[in-house]
Amino acid sequence: DINECLGERGVNYSVGCHNCINTKGSYTCDCDEGYELHPDGKSCIGQSTVG
């Protein structure tokens, strides 16, 4: 199992992910305050505000 969070093999799968958590065969993201997990489950986006 490679660590997708480290960008081994020249690919950094965790781009756009604030806090990458390596899991067996994949990874998950944890987003900083003020951001939410994108529907793709692999990146963080700014939270929408209702105006």
C-alpha atoms as a PDB file:
ATOM      1  CA  ASP A   1       0.000   0.000   0.000  1.00  0.00           C
ATOM      2  CA  ILE A   2       1.370   3.410  -0.924  1.00  0.00           C
ATOM      3  CA  ASN A   3       0.773   6.502   1.163  1.00  0.00           C
ATOM      4  CA  GLU A   4      -1.329   8.686  -1.126  1.00  0.00           C
ATOM      5  CA  CYS A   5      -0.830  11.619   1.242  1.00  0.00           C
ATOM      6  CA  LEU A   6       2.908  11.730   0.561  1.00  0.00           C
ATOM      7  CA  GLY A   7       2.657  11.922  -3.211  1.00  0.00           C
ATOM      8  CA  GLU A   8       4.749   8.826  -3.862  1.00  0.00           C
ATOM      9  CA  ARG A   9       5.392   7.804  -7.474  1.00  0.00           C
ATOM     10  CA  GLY A  10       5.232  11.448  -8.509  1.00  0.00           C
ATOM     11  CA  VAL A  11       1.489  11.771  -7.888  1.00  0.00           C
ATOM     12  CA  ASN A  12       0.091  13.741  -4.967  1.00  0.00           C
ATOM     13  CA  TYR A  13      -3.471  12.519  -4.645  1.00  0.00           C
ATOM     14  CA  SER A  14      -4.141  14.793  -1.686  1.00  0.00           C
ATOM     15  CA  VAL A  15      -3.967  18.121  -3.574  1.00  0.00           C
ATOM     16  CA  GLY A  16      -6.909  20.204  -2.380  1.00  0.00           C
ATOM     17  CA  CYS A  17      -7.185  18.205   0.824  1.00  0.00           C
ATOM     18  CA  HIS A  18      -6.266  20.182   3.960  1.00  0.00           C
ATOM     19  CA  ASN A  19      -5.576  17.241   6.252  1.00  0.00           C
ATOM     20  CA  CYS A  20      -4.920  14.017   4.400  1.00  0.00           C
ATOM     21  CA  ILE A  21      -5.467  10.761   6.298  1.00  0.00           C
ATOM     22  CA  ASN A  22      -3.937   7.711   4.655  1.00  0.00           C
ATOM     23  CA  THR A  23      -6.075   4.569   4.660  1.00  0.00           C
ATOM     24  CA  LYS A  24      -5.428   1.137   3.211  1.00  0.00           C
ATOM     25  CA  GLY A  25      -5.723   1.531  -0.551  1.00  0.00           C
ATOM     26  CA  SER A  26      -6.972   5.129  -0.456  1.00  0.00           C
ATOM     27  CA  TYR A  27      -7.164   8.263   1.676  1.00  0.00           C
ATOM     28  CA  THR A  28      -9.719  10.532   3.284  1.00  0.00           C
ATOM     29  CA  CYS A  29      -9.770  14.268   3.877  1.00  0.00           C
ATOM     30  CA  ASP A  30     -10.456  16.380   6.917  1.00  0.00           C
ATOM     31  CA  CYS A  31     -11.144  20.040   6.141  1.00  0.00           C
ATOM     32  CA  ASP A  32     -10.128  23.121   8.103  1.00  0.00           C
ATOM     33  CA  GLU A  33     -12.701  25.342   9.791  1.00  0.00           C
ATOM     34  CA  GLY A  34     -14.657  27.344   7.228  1.00  0.00           C
ATOM     35  CA  TYR A  35     -14.376  24.624   4.590  1.00  0.00           C
ATOM     36  CA  GLU A  36     -16.389  21.535   3.808  1.00  0.00           C
ATOM     37  CA  LEU A  37     -15.642  18.277   2.090  1.00  0.00           C
ATOM     38  CA  HIS A  38     -16.291  18.379  -1.654  1.00  0.00           C
ATOM     39  CA  PRO A  39     -18.814  15.777  -2.905  1.00  0.00           C
ATOM     40  CA  ASP A  40     -15.869  13.906  -4.471  1.00  0.00           C
ATOM     41  CA  GLY A  41     -14.713  13.164  -0.907  1.00  0.00           C
ATOM     42  CA  LYS A  42     -11.136  14.028  -1.832  1.00  0.00           C
ATOM     43  CA  SER A  43     -10.888  17.813  -1.568  1.00  0.00           C
ATOM     44  CA  CYS A  44     -12.055  20.780   0.510  1.00  0.00           C
ATOM     45  CA  ILE A  45     -14.117  23.731  -0.678  1.00  0.00           C
ATOM     46  CA  GLY A  46     -15.177  26.971   0.979  1.00  0.00           C
ATOM     47  CA  GLN A  47     -18.515  26.747   2.766  1.00  0.00           C
ATOM     48  CA  SER A  48     -21.412  28.422   1.020  1.00  0.00           C
ATOM     49  CA  THR A  49     -22.928  31.383   2.786  1.00  0.00           C
ATOM     50  CA  VAL A  50     -26.553  32.361   2.512  1.00  0.00           C
ATOM     51  CA  GLY A  51     -26.851  36.052   1.653  1.00  0.00           C
END
